[in-house]
C-alpha cells in the first residue's frame, strides 16, 4: 500500500484538480475526523501543544485502521486526486479555503 499517491493531479504534480493532493493519511484524517479529534484532544490533555498533537493523533488512528479501511482510504485518495470529490467535501473545503487540517 502506498502512503503517498504519485502524480495523478492535473496541472501541478503535487495537487489535484481542486488544488490539494490527497494521500491515504489525509483521506483517513478526513473520513475519521471525529476519531482523530478525540485522540488529538487526549494528546493536548497529556501536555502536547496544539501544533504538535495533530500528526501523532492521526498516526494513532491510521495505524489502528483495518487493511480494508486503509485500502478504502487509498482508493478515495486516487478518486479525489482525479477531481471526483464528494459534495460535502467540496463544501467544507470552500468554507476553510482548501481543507486546512483541524
Protein backbone atom coordinates (compact mmCIF):
# COMPACT_ATOMS: atom_id res chain seq x y z
CA UNK A 1 0.00 0.00 0.00
CA UNK A 2 1.31 3.42 -0.94
CA UNK A 3 1.09 6.11 1.69
CA UNK A 4 1.63 8.93 -0.80
CA UNK A 5 -0.11 8.70 -4.14
CA UNK A 6 2.08 9.78 -7.07
CA UNK A 7 1.47 12.28 -9.88
CA UNK A 8 -2.25 11.95 -10.56
CA UNK A 9 -3.17 15.65 -10.46
CA UNK A 10 -3.99 17.78 -13.45
CA UNK A 11 -1.51 20.60 -13.89
CA UNK A 12 0.91 20.51 -10.99
CA UNK A 13 2.09 17.04 -9.83
CA UNK A 14 1.65 17.97 -6.15
CA UNK A 15 -2.00 18.99 -6.47
CA UNK A 16 -5.26 17.54 -7.68
CA UNK A 17 -7.61 19.43 -9.96
CA UNK A 18 -9.05 21.01 -6.76
CA UNK A 19 -5.67 22.35 -5.60
CA UNK A 20 -5.00 19.75 -2.89
CA UNK A 21 -3.08 16.49 -3.17
CA UNK A 22 -4.68 13.69 -1.16
CA UNK A 23 -2.84 10.65 0.18
CA UNK A 24 -4.06 7.73 2.23
CA UNK A 25 -3.33 9.52 5.55
CA UNK A 26 -5.02 12.81 4.62
CA UNK A 27 -8.09 10.89 3.44
CA UNK A 28 -8.11 8.94 6.72
CA UNK A 29 -7.87 12.25 8.58
CA UNK A 30 -10.95 13.47 6.75
CA UNK A 31 -13.02 10.28 6.92
CA UNK A 32 -12.16 9.58 10.56
CA UNK A 33 -12.01 13.22 11.66
CA UNK A 34 -14.13 12.64 14.77
CA UNK A 35 -11.83 9.86 15.98
CA UNK A 36 -8.74 11.95 15.15
CA UNK A 37 -10.24 14.90 17.03
CA UNK A 38 -10.83 12.79 20.15
CA UNK A 39 -7.28 11.45 20.01
CA UNK A 40 -5.95 14.97 19.38
CA UNK A 41 -7.73 16.21 22.49
CA UNK A 42 -6.17 13.38 24.53
CA UNK A 43 -2.70 14.46 23.36
CA UNK A 44 -3.48 18.05 24.33
CA UNK A 45 -4.66 16.93 27.77
CA UNK A 46 -1.44 14.93 28.15
CA UNK A 47 0.57 18.13 27.69
CA UNK A 48 1.32 18.33 23.97
CA UNK A 49 0.93 21.67 22.28
CA UNK A 50 -1.86 22.11 19.76
CA UNK A 51 0.73 22.37 16.98
CA UNK A 52 2.40 19.05 17.82
CA UNK A 53 -0.67 16.96 18.67
CA UNK A 54 -2.39 16.50 15.29
CA UNK A 55 0.14 14.30 13.46
CA UNK A 56 0.56 11.80 16.33
CA UNK A 57 -3.24 11.67 16.74
CA UNK A 58 -3.70 10.99 13.03
CA UNK A 59 -0.91 8.39 13.09
CA UNK A 60 -2.53 6.60 16.03
CA UNK A 61 -5.90 6.41 14.28
CA UNK A 62 -4.36 5.45 10.93
CA UNK A 63 -2.21 2.67 12.43
CA UNK A 64 -5.29 1.15 14.06
CA UNK A 65 -7.36 1.02 10.87
CA UNK A 66 -8.02 -2.37 9.32
CA UNK A 67 -6.40 -3.22 6.00
CA UNK A 68 -9.80 -2.85 4.35
CA UNK A 69 -10.22 0.65 5.82
CA UNK A 70 -6.72 1.63 4.64
CA UNK A 71 -7.47 0.28 1.17
CA UNK A 72 -10.67 2.33 1.12
CA UNK A 73 -8.66 5.44 2.03
CA UNK A 74 -6.16 4.70 -0.73
CA UNK A 75 -8.99 4.27 -3.26
CA UNK A 76 -10.56 7.56 -2.13
CA UNK A 77 -7.21 9.37 -2.46
CA UNK A 78 -6.89 8.21 -6.07
CA UNK A 79 -10.50 9.17 -6.76
CA UNK A 80 -10.27 12.57 -5.08
CA UNK A 81 -6.98 13.42 -6.82
CA UNK A 82 -8.70 12.80 -10.15
CA UNK A 83 -11.22 15.53 -9.30
CA UNK A 84 -14.18 13.47 -8.09
CA UNK A 85 -14.81 14.91 -4.63
CA UNK A 86 -17.99 14.20 -2.68
CA UNK A 87 -20.26 17.23 -2.36
CA UNK A 88 -19.82 17.54 1.44
CA UNK A 89 -16.04 17.63 0.98
CA UNK A 90 -16.31 20.32 -1.71
CA UNK A 91 -18.49 22.44 0.56
CA UNK A 92 -16.30 22.03 3.64
CA UNK A 93 -13.17 22.92 1.67
CA UNK A 94 -14.74 26.08 0.31
CA UNK A 95 -15.54 27.13 3.88
CA UNK A 96 -11.98 26.61 5.14
CA UNK A 97 -10.22 27.68 1.95
CA UNK A 98 -8.83 24.39 0.68
CA UNK A 99 -9.03 21.92 3.52
CA UNK A 100 -6.67 23.01 6.23
CA UNK A 101 -6.26 20.26 8.87
CA UNK A 102 -8.16 20.61 12.12
